[in-house]
Structure formats: C-alpha cells, structure tokens
C-alpha atoms as a PDB file:
ATOM      1  CA  MET A   1       0.953 -40.311 -54.179  1.00  0.00           C
ATOM      2  CA  GLY A   2       3.833 -39.902 -56.640  1.00  0.00           C
ATOM      3  CA  GLY A   3       1.995 -41.634 -59.486  1.00  0.00           C
ATOM      4  CA  GLU A   4       2.295 -45.054 -57.815  1.00  0.00           C
ATOM      5  CA  ARG A   5      -0.283 -47.635 -58.766  1.00  0.00           C
ATOM      6  CA  PRO A   6      -2.474 -48.334 -55.708  1.00  0.00           C
ATOM      7  CA  LEU A   7      -2.595 -51.914 -54.495  1.00  0.00           C
ATOM      8  CA  TRP A   8      -6.335 -52.043 -55.102  1.00  0.00           C
ATOM      9  CA  ALA A   9      -6.086 -50.695 -58.661  1.00  0.00           C
ATOM     10  CA  SER A  10      -6.720 -54.064 -60.283  1.00  0.00           C
ATOM     11  CA  SER A  11      -9.228 -55.214 -57.671  1.00  0.00           C
ATOM     12  CA  SER A  12     -12.994 -55.447 -57.919  1.00  0.00           C
ATOM     13  CA  LEU A  13     -14.805 -52.417 -56.512  1.00  0.00           C
ATOM     14  CA  TYR A  14     -18.177 -52.643 -54.849  1.00  0.00           C
ATOM     15  CA  ALA A  15     -20.742 -49.973 -54.031  1.00  0.00           C
ATOM     16  CA  GLY A  16     -19.625 -47.484 -51.408  1.00  0.00           C
ATOM     17  CA  GLY A  17     -15.993 -47.474 -52.422  1.00  0.00           C
ATOM     18  CA  VAL A  18     -15.128 -50.855 -50.873  1.00  0.00           C
ATOM     19  CA  ALA A  19     -12.478 -52.839 -52.723  1.00  0.00           C
ATOM     20  CA  THR A  20     -11.297 -56.424 -52.547  1.00  0.00           C
ATOM     21  CA  ILE A  21      -7.558 -57.043 -52.502  1.00  0.00           C
ATOM     22  CA  SER A  22      -5.310 -59.972 -51.733  1.00  0.00           C
ATOM     23  CA  GLN A  23      -4.252 -61.004 -48.245  1.00  0.00           C
ATOM     24  CA  GLU A  24      -0.654 -60.210 -49.200  1.00  0.00           C
ATOM     25  CA  ALA A  25      -1.560 -56.671 -50.261  1.00  0.00           C
ATOM     26  CA  LYS A  26      -3.459 -56.027 -47.017  1.00  0.00           C
ATOM     27  CA  ARG A  27      -0.503 -57.305 -45.016  1.00  0.00           C
ATOM     28  CA  GLU A  28       1.808 -54.939 -46.895  1.00  0.00           C
ATOM     29  CA  LEU A  29      -0.488 -51.986 -46.210  1.00  0.00           C
ATOM     30  CA  LEU A  30      -0.677 -52.814 -42.495  1.00  0.00           C
ATOM     31  CA  ALA A  31       3.101 -53.094 -42.245  1.00  0.00           C
ATOM     32  CA  ARG A  32       3.413 -49.461 -43.410  1.00  0.00           C
ATOM     33  CA  ALA A  33       1.542 -48.161 -40.339  1.00  0.00           C
ATOM     34  CA  PRO A  34       3.781 -47.586 -37.275  1.00  0.00           C
ATOM     35  CA  LEU A  35       1.205 -49.249 -35.020  1.00  0.00           C
ATOM     36  CA  PHE A  36       1.522 -52.524 -36.942  1.00  0.00           C
ATOM     37  CA  SER A  37       5.063 -52.301 -38.319  1.00  0.00           C
ATOM     38  CA  ARG A  38       6.676 -54.349 -35.526  1.00  0.00           C
ATOM     39  CA  LEU A  39       4.291 -57.277 -35.808  1.00  0.00           C
ATOM     40  CA  SER A  40       5.520 -60.669 -36.928  1.00  0.00           C
ATOM     41  CA  PRO A  41       4.384 -62.009 -40.336  1.00  0.00           C
ATOM     42  CA  GLY A  42       1.940 -64.290 -38.525  1.00  0.00           C
ATOM     43  CA  GLN A  43       0.462 -61.411 -36.519  1.00  0.00           C
ATOM     44  CA  LEU A  44       0.154 -59.300 -39.662  1.00  0.00           C
ATOM     45  CA  ASP A  45      -1.668 -62.139 -41.393  1.00  0.00           C
ATOM     46  CA  GLU A  46      -4.055 -62.386 -38.443  1.00  0.00           C
ATOM     47  CA  MET A  47      -4.773 -58.657 -38.543  1.00  0.00           C
ATOM     48  CA  ALA A  48      -5.071 -58.594 -42.336  1.00  0.00           C
ATOM     49  CA  ALA A  49      -7.646 -61.391 -42.243  1.00  0.00           C
ATOM     50  CA  SER A  50     -10.039 -59.158 -40.286  1.00  0.00           C
ATOM     51  CA  ALA A  51      -9.366 -55.974 -42.303  1.00  0.00           C
ATOM     52  CA  ARG A  52     -10.929 -54.760 -45.506  1.00  0.00           C
ATOM     53  CA  ILE A  53     -10.014 -51.835 -47.713  1.00  0.00           C
ATOM     54  CA  ARG A  54     -12.106 -48.779 -48.512  1.00  0.00           C
ATOM     55  CA  ARG A  55     -11.507 -46.267 -51.266  1.00  0.00           C
ATOM     56  CA  LEU A  56     -12.516 -42.585 -51.064  1.00  0.00           C
ATOM     57  CA  ALA A  57     -12.742 -39.996 -53.824  1.00  0.00           C
ATOM     58  CA  VAL A  58     -11.661 -36.380 -53.344  1.00  0.00           C
ATOM     59  CA  LYS A  59     -13.972 -34.567 -50.855  1.00  0.00           C
ATOM     60  CA  GLN A  60     -15.808 -37.787 -50.004  1.00  0.00           C
ATOM     61  CA  GLU A  61     -16.738 -38.060 -46.344  1.00  0.00           C
ATOM     62  CA  LEU A  62     -15.366 -40.976 -44.319  1.00  0.00           C
ATOM     63  CA  PHE A  63     -17.586 -40.261 -41.323  1.00  0.00           C
ATOM     64  CA  HIS A  64     -19.410 -37.323 -39.733  1.00  0.00           C
ATOM     65  CA  LYS A  65     -19.110 -35.836 -36.254  1.00  0.00           C
ATOM     66  CA  GLY A  66     -21.639 -37.584 -34.020  1.00  0.00           C
ATOM     67  CA  ASP A  67     -21.653 -40.853 -35.994  1.00  0.00           C
ATOM     68  CA  GLU A  68     -21.240 -44.123 -34.142  1.00  0.00           C
ATOM     69  CA  GLY A  69     -17.555 -45.007 -33.722  1.00  0.00           C
ATOM     70  CA  SER A  70     -17.467 -48.728 -34.425  1.00  0.00           C
ATOM     71  CA  GLN A  71     -14.460 -48.892 -36.769  1.00  0.00           C
ATOM     72  CA  VAL A  72     -10.849 -47.735 -36.892  1.00  0.00           C
ATOM     73  CA  TYR A  73      -9.037 -46.863 -40.131  1.00  0.00           C
ATOM     74  CA  ALA A  74      -5.383 -47.089 -41.116  1.00  0.00           C
ATOM     75  CA  VAL A  75      -4.461 -44.746 -43.977  1.00  0.00           C
ATOM     76  CA  ALA A  76      -2.650 -46.611 -46.761  1.00  0.00           C
ATOM     77  CA  SER A  77      -2.463 -43.763 -49.286  1.00  0.00           C
ATOM     78  CA  GLY A  78      -3.817 -40.255 -49.732  1.00  0.00           C
ATOM     79  CA  ARG A  79      -4.537 -37.522 -47.192  1.00  0.00           C
ATOM     80  CA  LEU A  80      -7.620 -36.568 -45.243  1.00  0.00           C
ATOM     81  CA  LYS A  81      -8.642 -33.721 -42.959  1.00  0.00           C
ATOM     82  CA  ALA A  82     -10.353 -33.957 -39.586  1.00  0.00           C
ATOM     83  CA  PHE A  83     -12.494 -30.935 -38.721  1.00  0.00           C
ATOM     84  CA  THR A  84     -15.518 -29.651 -36.874  1.00  0.00           C
ATOM     85  CA  THR A  85     -18.133 -27.103 -37.964  1.00  0.00           C
ATOM     86  CA  SER A  86     -19.647 -24.393 -35.779  1.00  0.00           C
ATOM     87  CA  SER A  87     -23.353 -23.535 -35.670  1.00  0.00           C
ATOM     88  CA  GLU A  88     -22.513 -20.543 -37.914  1.00  0.00           C
ATOM     89  CA  GLY A  89     -20.994 -22.861 -40.525  1.00  0.00           C
ATOM     90  CA  ASP A  90     -17.318 -22.085 -39.840  1.00  0.00           C
ATOM     91  CA  ASP A  91     -14.864 -24.990 -39.985  1.00  0.00           C
ATOM     92  CA  VAL A  92     -11.847 -25.614 -37.753  1.00  0.00           C
ATOM     93  CA  VAL A  93      -9.390 -28.213 -39.018  1.00  0.00           C
ATOM     94  CA  PHE A  94      -7.834 -30.308 -36.251  1.00  0.00           C
ATOM     95  CA  ASP A  95      -5.359 -32.229 -38.364  1.00  0.00           C
ATOM     96  CA  ILE A  96      -4.200 -33.424 -41.771  1.00  0.00           C
ATOM     97  CA  ILE A  97      -3.908 -37.225 -41.717  1.00  0.00           C
ATOM     98  CA  GLY A  98      -1.628 -39.113 -44.079  1.00  0.00           C
ATOM     99  CA  PRO A  99      -0.300 -42.612 -44.845  1.00  0.00           C
ATOM    100  CA  GLY A 100       0.566 -44.737 -41.820  1.00  0.00           C
ATOM    101  CA  GLU A 101      -1.725 -42.842 -39.447  1.00  0.00           C
ATOM    102  CA  LEU A 102      -4.846 -44.036 -37.661  1.00  0.00           C
ATOM    103  CA  ILE A 103      -8.294 -42.456 -37.842  1.00  0.00           C
ATOM    104  CA  GLY A 104     -11.172 -42.969 -35.436  1.00  0.00           C
ATOM    105  CA  GLU A 105      -9.369 -44.616 -32.527  1.00  0.00           C
ATOM    106  CA  ILE A 106     -10.687 -42.162 -29.898  1.00  0.00           C
ATOM    107  CA  ALA A 107     -14.382 -42.864 -30.475  1.00  0.00           C
ATOM    108  CA  LEU A 108     -13.695 -46.575 -30.915  1.00  0.00           C
ATOM    109  CA  LEU A 109     -11.760 -46.974 -27.659  1.00  0.00           C
ATOM    110  CA  GLY A 110     -14.156 -44.800 -25.654  1.00  0.00           C
ATOM    111  CA  GLY A 111     -17.348 -46.200 -27.138  1.00  0.00           C
ATOM    112  CA  THR A 112     -18.430 -42.621 -27.878  1.00  0.00           C
ATOM    113  CA  PRO A 113     -19.683 -40.839 -31.032  1.00  0.00           C
ATOM    114  CA  ARG A 114     -17.177 -39.452 -33.524  1.00  0.00           C
ATOM    115  CA  THR A 115     -15.565 -36.234 -32.282  1.00  0.00           C
ATOM    116  CA  ALA A 116     -14.878 -34.799 -35.762  1.00  0.00           C
ATOM    117  CA  THR A 117     -15.836 -35.084 -39.407  1.00  0.00           C
ATOM    118  CA  VAL A 118     -13.219 -36.605 -41.728  1.00  0.00           C
ATOM    119  CA  THR A 119     -13.129 -36.079 -45.499  1.00  0.00           C
ATOM    120  CA  ALA A 120     -10.623 -36.947 -48.221  1.00  0.00           C
ATOM    121  CA  LEU A 121      -8.338 -34.234 -49.609  1.00  0.00           C
ATOM    122  CA  GLU A 122      -7.048 -36.666 -52.258  1.00  0.00           C
ATOM    123  CA  PRO A 123      -8.057 -40.093 -53.559  1.00  0.00           C
ATOM    124  CA  CYS A 124      -7.473 -42.373 -50.559  1.00  0.00           C
ATOM    125  CA  GLU A 125      -7.273 -46.017 -49.652  1.00  0.00           C
ATOM    126  CA  LEU A 126      -7.818 -47.068 -46.039  1.00  0.00           C
ATOM    127  CA  LEU A 127      -7.820 -50.326 -44.153  1.00  0.00           C
ATOM    128  CA  VAL A 128     -11.003 -50.761 -42.115  1.00  0.00           C
ATOM    129  CA  ILE A 129     -10.942 -52.772 -38.890  1.00  0.00           C
ATOM    130  CA  ASP A 130     -14.049 -53.344 -36.765  1.00  0.00           C
ATOM    131  CA  ARG A 131     -14.040 -52.522 -33.050  1.00  0.00           C
ATOM    132  CA  ARG A 132     -14.235 -56.113 -31.809  1.00  0.00           C
ATOM    133  CA  GLU A 133     -11.262 -57.271 -33.886  1.00  0.00           C
ATOM    134  CA  PHE A 134      -9.192 -54.176 -33.045  1.00  0.00           C
ATOM    135  CA  LEU A 135      -9.700 -54.432 -29.280  1.00  0.00           C
ATOM    136  CA  ALA A 136      -8.926 -58.151 -29.366  1.00  0.00           C
ATOM    137  CA  PHE A 137      -5.758 -57.355 -31.323  1.00  0.00           C
ATOM    138  CA  LEU A 138      -4.630 -54.842 -28.669  1.00  0.00           C
ATOM    139  CA  GLU A 139      -5.258 -57.382 -25.894  1.00  0.00           C
ATOM    140  CA  ARG A 140      -3.056 -59.932 -27.672  1.00  0.00           C
ATOM    141  CA  ASN A 141      -0.332 -57.397 -28.570  1.00  0.00           C
ATOM    142  CA  PRO A 142       0.581 -55.132 -25.613  1.00  0.00           C
ATOM    143  CA  ASP A 143       3.410 -53.495 -27.604  1.00  0.00           C
ATOM    144  CA  ALA A 144       0.833 -52.204 -30.068  1.00  0.00           C
ATOM    145  CA  ALA A 145      -1.315 -50.931 -27.184  1.00  0.00           C
ATOM    146  CA  VAL A 146       1.665 -48.969 -25.857  1.00  0.00           C
ATOM    147  CA  GLU A 147       2.298 -47.520 -29.326  1.00  0.00           C
ATOM    148  CA  LEU A 148      -1.352 -46.492 -29.526  1.00  0.00           C
ATOM    149  CA  LEU A 149      -0.961 -44.612 -26.217  1.00  0.00           C
ATOM    150  CA  ARG A 150       1.935 -42.712 -27.795  1.00  0.00           C
ATOM    151  CA  VAL A 151      -0.226 -41.864 -30.810  1.00  0.00           C
ATOM    152  CA  LEU A 152      -2.986 -40.563 -28.540  1.00  0.00           C
ATOM    153  CA  ALA A 153      -0.535 -38.518 -26.467  1.00  0.00           C
ATOM    154  CA  VAL A 154       0.811 -36.833 -29.608  1.00  0.00           C
ATOM    155  CA  ARG A 155      -2.730 -36.080 -30.720  1.00  0.00           C
ATOM    156  CA  ILE A 156      -3.622 -34.484 -27.379  1.00  0.00           C
ATOM    157  CA  LYS A 157      -0.432 -32.399 -27.492  1.00  0.00           C
ATOM    158  CA  HIS A 158      -1.297 -31.262 -31.017  1.00  0.00           C
ATOM    159  CA  LEU A 159      -4.818 -30.189 -29.994  1.00  0.00           C
ATOM    160  CA  SER A 160      -3.445 -28.324 -26.972  1.00  0.00           C
ATOM    161  CA  GLU A 161      -1.017 -26.420 -29.197  1.00  0.00           C
ATOM    162  CA  LEU A 162      -3.827 -25.661 -31.659  1.00  0.00           C
ATOM    163  CA  VAL A 163      -5.931 -24.064 -28.916  1.00  0.00           C
ATOM    164  CA  GLU A 164      -2.985 -22.085 -27.533  1.00  0.00           C
ATOM    165  CA  ASP A 165      -1.901 -20.823 -30.954  1.00  0.00           C
ATOM    166  CA  THR A 166      -5.451 -19.755 -31.847  1.00  0.00           C
ATOM    167  CA  LEU A 167      -5.859 -17.858 -28.576  1.00  0.00           C
ATOM    168  CA  PHE A 168      -2.423 -16.286 -28.202  1.00  0.00           C
ATOM    169  CA  LEU A 169      -0.731 -15.911 -31.612  1.00  0.00           C
ATOM    170  CA  ASN A 170      -1.526 -13.500 -34.418  1.00  0.00           C
ATOM    171  CA  LEU A 171      -2.221 -14.771 -37.940  1.00  0.00           C
ATOM    172  CA  PRO A 172       1.322 -14.416 -39.385  1.00  0.00           C
ATOM    173  CA  LEU A 173       2.756 -16.464 -36.522  1.00  0.00           C
ATOM    174  CA  ARG A 174       0.014 -19.115 -36.706  1.00  0.00           C
ATOM    175  CA  LEU A 175       0.394 -19.482 -40.452  1.00  0.00           C
ATOM    176  CA  ALA A 176       4.198 -19.564 -40.265  1.00  0.00           C
ATOM    177  CA  LYS A 177       4.047 -22.336 -37.639  1.00  0.00           C
ATOM    178  CA  LYS A 178       1.579 -24.348 -39.707  1.00  0.00           C
ATOM    179  CA  LEU A 179       3.575 -23.972 -42.923  1.00  0.00           C
ATOM    180  CA  THR A 180       6.776 -24.955 -41.122  1.00  0.00           C
ATOM    181  CA  ALA A 181       5.146 -28.044 -39.595  1.00  0.00           C
ATOM    182  CA  LEU A 182       3.599 -29.172 -42.885  1.00  0.00           C
ATOM    183  CA  CYS A 183       6.855 -28.504 -44.712  1.00  0.00           C
ATOM    184  CA  ARG A 184       8.600 -30.997 -42.433  1.00  0.00           C
ATOM    185  CA  ILE A 185       6.066 -33.668 -43.380  1.00  0.00           C
ATOM    186  CA  TYR A 186       5.200 -32.840 -46.986  1.00  0.00           C
ATOM    187  CA  GLY A 187       8.135 -30.679 -48.117  1.00  0.00           C
ATOM    188  CA  GLN A 188       9.463 -31.451 -51.608  1.00  0.00           C
ATOM    189  CA  PRO A 189      12.671 -29.682 -52.762  1.00  0.00           C
ATOM    190  CA  THR A 190      12.342 -27.549 -55.899  1.00  0.00           C
ATOM    191  CA  ALA A 191      14.821 -25.473 -57.880  1.00  0.00           C
ATOM    192  CA  ASP A 192      14.085 -22.360 -55.808  1.00  0.00           C
ATOM    193  CA  GLY A 193      12.730 -23.591 -52.481  1.00  0.00           C
ATOM    194  CA  VAL A 194      10.542 -26.227 -50.880  1.00  0.00           C
ATOM    195  CA  ARG A 195       7.037 -27.053 -52.070  1.00  0.00           C
ATOM    196  CA  VAL A 196       4.423 -28.094 -49.513  1.00  0.00           C
ATOM    197  CA  ASP A 197       3.035 -31.107 -51.360  1.00  0.00           C
ATOM    198  CA  LEU A 198      -0.503 -30.552 -50.134  1.00  0.00           C
ATOM    199  CA  LYS A 199      -3.030 -28.896 -52.411  1.00  0.00           C
ATOM    200  CA  LEU A 200      -5.410 -26.812 -50.307  1.00  0.00           C
ATOM    201  CA  SER A 201      -7.730 -23.953 -51.132  1.00  0.00           C
ATOM    202  CA  GLN A 202      -7.279 -20.626 -49.368  1.00  0.00           C
ATOM    203  CA  GLU A 203     -10.469 -21.386 -47.443  1.00  0.00           C
ATOM    204  CA  GLU A 204      -8.934 -24.667 -46.229  1.00  0.00           C
ATOM    205  CA  TRP A 205      -5.724 -22.872 -45.206  1.00  0.00           C
ATOM    206  CA  GLY A 206      -7.943 -20.485 -43.246  1.00  0.00           C
ATOM    207  CA  ASP A 207      -9.669 -23.422 -41.541  1.00  0.00           C
ATOM    208  CA  LEU A 208      -6.260 -24.809 -40.542  1.00  0.00           C
ATOM    209  CA  VAL A 209      -5.251 -21.650 -38.669  1.00  0.00           C
ATOM    210  CA  GLY A 210      -8.656 -20.359 -37.571  1.00  0.00           C
ATOM    211  CA  THR A 211      -9.188 -17.417 -39.895  1.00  0.00           C
ATOM    212  CA  THR A 212     -11.043 -16.405 -43.051  1.00  0.00           C
ATOM    213  CA  ARG A 213     -10.167 -16.984 -46.696  1.00  0.00           C
ATOM    214  CA  GLU A 214      -9.825 -13.230 -47.151  1.00  0.00           C
ATOM    215  CA  SER A 215      -7.242 -12.974 -44.343  1.00  0.00           C
ATOM    216  CA  ILE A 216      -5.247 -15.896 -45.763  1.00  0.00           C
ATOM    217  CA  ASN A 217      -5.327 -14.328 -49.218  1.00  0.00           C
ATOM    218  CA  LYS A 218      -4.022 -11.031 -47.819  1.00  0.00           C
ATOM    219  CA  GLN A 219      -1.234 -12.709 -45.837  1.00  0.00           C
ATOM    220  CA  LEU A 220      -0.087 -14.929 -48.710  1.00  0.00           C
ATOM    221  CA  ARG A 221      -0.114 -11.955 -51.051  1.00  0.00           C
ATOM    222  CA  GLN A 222       2.044  -9.967 -48.606  1.00  0.00           C
ATOM    223  CA  TRP A 223       4.545 -12.816 -48.196  1.00  0.00           C
ATOM    224  CA  THR A 224       4.650 -13.280 -51.971  1.00  0.00           C
ATOM    225  CA  GLN A 225       5.563  -9.611 -52.391  1.00  0.00           C
ATOM    226  CA  GLU A 226       8.240  -9.959 -49.704  1.00  0.00           C
ATOM    227  CA  GLY A 227       9.728 -13.034 -51.394  1.00  0.00           C
ATOM    228  CA  PHE A 228       8.915 -15.519 -48.633  1.00  0.00           C
ATOM    229  CA  LEU A 229       6.875 -17.815 -50.866  1.00  0.00           C
ATOM    230  CA  ARG A 230       4.863 -18.179 -54.036  1.00  0.00           C
ATOM    231  CA  VAL A 231       1.678 -20.028 -54.906  1.00  0.00           C
ATOM    232  CA  ASP A 232       2.065 -22.405 -57.844  1.00  0.00           C
ATOM    233  CA  GLY A 233      -1.008 -24.227 -59.156  1.00  0.00           C
ATOM    234  CA  GLY A 234      -2.619 -24.413 -55.734  1.00  0.00           C
ATOM    235  CA  TYR A 235       0.599 -25.472 -53.967  1.00  0.00           C
ATOM    236  CA  ILE A 236       2.652 -23.204 -51.706  1.00  0.00           C
ATOM    237  CA  VAL A 237       6.388 -23.054 -52.449  1.00  0.00           C
ATOM    238  CA  ILE A 238       8.510 -21.742 -49.565  1.00  0.00           C
ATOM    239  CA  LEU A 239      11.288 -19.637 -51.094  1.00  0.00           C
ATOM    240  CA  ARG A 240      12.939 -18.666 -47.784  1.00  0.00           C
ATOM    241  CA  PRO A 241      12.281 -21.509 -45.329  1.00  0.00           C
ATOM    242  CA  ASP A 242      14.891 -20.275 -42.862  1.00  0.00           C
ATOM    243  CA  ALA A 243      13.221 -16.856 -42.626  1.00  0.00           C
ATOM    244  CA  LEU A 244       9.766 -18.410 -42.282  1.00  0.00           C
ATOM    245  CA  GLU A 245      10.962 -20.711 -39.509  1.00  0.00           C
ATOM    246  CA  GLU A 246      12.561 -17.798 -37.690  1.00  0.00           C
ATOM    247  CA  LEU A 247       9.222 -15.994 -37.825  1.00  0.00           C
ATOM    248  CA  ALA A 248       7.538 -19.143 -36.472  1.00  0.00           C
ATOM    249  CA  GLY A 249      10.005 -19.190 -33.568  1.00  0.00           C
ATOM    250  CA  GLU A 250      11.654 -22.425 -34.724  1.00  0.00           C
ATOM    251  CA  PRO A 251      15.050 -21.435 -36.129  1.00  0.00           C
ATOM    252  CA  GLY A 252      17.485 -24.182 -37.032  1.00  0.00           C
ATOM    253  CA  VAL A 253      14.932 -26.426 -38.749  1.00  0.00           C
ATOM    254  CA  ALA A 254      15.565 -24.993 -42.217  1.00  0.00           C
ATOM    255  CA  PRO A 255      18.593 -27.186 -43.124  1.00  0.00           C
ATOM    256  CA  ARG A 256      16.363 -30.255 -42.958  1.00  0.00           C
ATOM    257  CA  ILE A 257      13.875 -28.927 -45.488  1.00  0.00           C
ATOM    258  CA  ARG A 258      15.875 -26.508 -47.640  1.00  0.00           C
ATOM    259  CA  ALA A 259      16.298 -27.460 -51.289  1.00  0.00           C
ATOM    260  CA  HIS A 260      19.814 -28.481 -52.342  1.00  0.00           C
END
C-alpha cells in the first residue's frame, strides 16, 4: 500500500463497503490490471461504466465457498487470500491475490458456485463487474479473452504445484519454496536482507504450506537460530536469500531479490 491515498478515499461510502468514485478513477484502476491494460481509452471507458468499486476491511469476507458466482473482481489495492476449509476446520490457502489480479473468474465463466472462500488480508479496494457485462466485454475484445486464458492456465499450474509440493516435499522445502516465491512478488530490500512485505500470522503461514502453526513456529525458530531469517513485527525478513533459494531448489534467483 505504501501509504498512498486510495482513489476512493474522498468518495461517499454506502453500506456494505461500496464506494462511489469518478469514471476517470475507475478507468485508471482498470488500466492497472493486465487483463485490461491494453484496451483503448474508449474501451476502458466502456468497461468502467459498468464497474463499481467495493471496499473491504481486514479479515472481511468477499465471498464464501459455495456462493453463487455472478461477479468478477479486479483487485485495485490490498491483498486477499483464497482458501478452503475442511470438515475438521483446517484451512488450505490456494493463493495470495494482489493488485492487478482477478478474483472469481472461474465460477463466473463456468456458471458454477464459488470454489473457494476469499477474505481480505489488508484493507482492499476492488472493481466489481457483473457476469453479463464481463462476458459481453470478452466477446467484443478477443485479446482480453486470450489473456484471461493465460491467467487461468497459470492458476491451474499453481494449483498443480501446490498439490505436488504438499504430497511430495517435506516442510522445510515447502516453506522455502513459498518464501522464495512470495519474496519475488513482495520482497522489499532492507539493510540486512529482504523483507516479505506480507503480514501473516504463523497460523496463516501454516495454511499456505499445509501444516500447523506449531510446526511453522518450530521451523521459523530453527531458521532464525541458523541465521536464515528473522521475524520483525509480524513480517519475515530473509537474511540469506541465496541460501534459502538453494534449499528450495531454485538457485540463481537471489540476485533479483537480494538487498543492495
């Protein structure tokens, strides 16, 4: 978030976290999303006219698994998590979703119920587009439809890797891979390493890699003692990113995220 003033900050807020903003602001938000970034100004105006913005507070639910999927959301700011909960009450996090990404396209395109629950990890603003307008937009803009196929392919690949890692890798490897991946996206250089700019509880870290809070606590404590990382105010700071990436089986990535 970086302390930036959200585009809806001076707008009128209605019940349910729905805000009113200008057409220009909605167009700017749409242009940030890869799916819409190549549209002409006229096409962006057309899409913005049918979109509205919704604001979520921390831990507020966007939708629940099994809900009707009649809307798609483009994340303008903030981060959310998509997860499912077992009958025993254990959560598995499928993904962390940030600015520029879409939410809810699978249920919308398939006409099926939501496949996961999505809640806000931070204060969020999202553009909401109804199914009828979104499908009509894709019919008029085949380039956007092709880009959406790419988005879906990446999502399927991510879920496949999640299943494989959970079945075949031990906890240190799973956690190292997840930290390395998140560091690429959210890594912020510090004086002594790279901070993963994503504030998660140890229980949420456990949900991300399919283990318990106690196991995450033990592993983080061990890596802290070994000088791999430290936990600072709820954020993880990677002190030796090259060593962590080598453990994750992805050597050579460190120069892109190492602090200078």
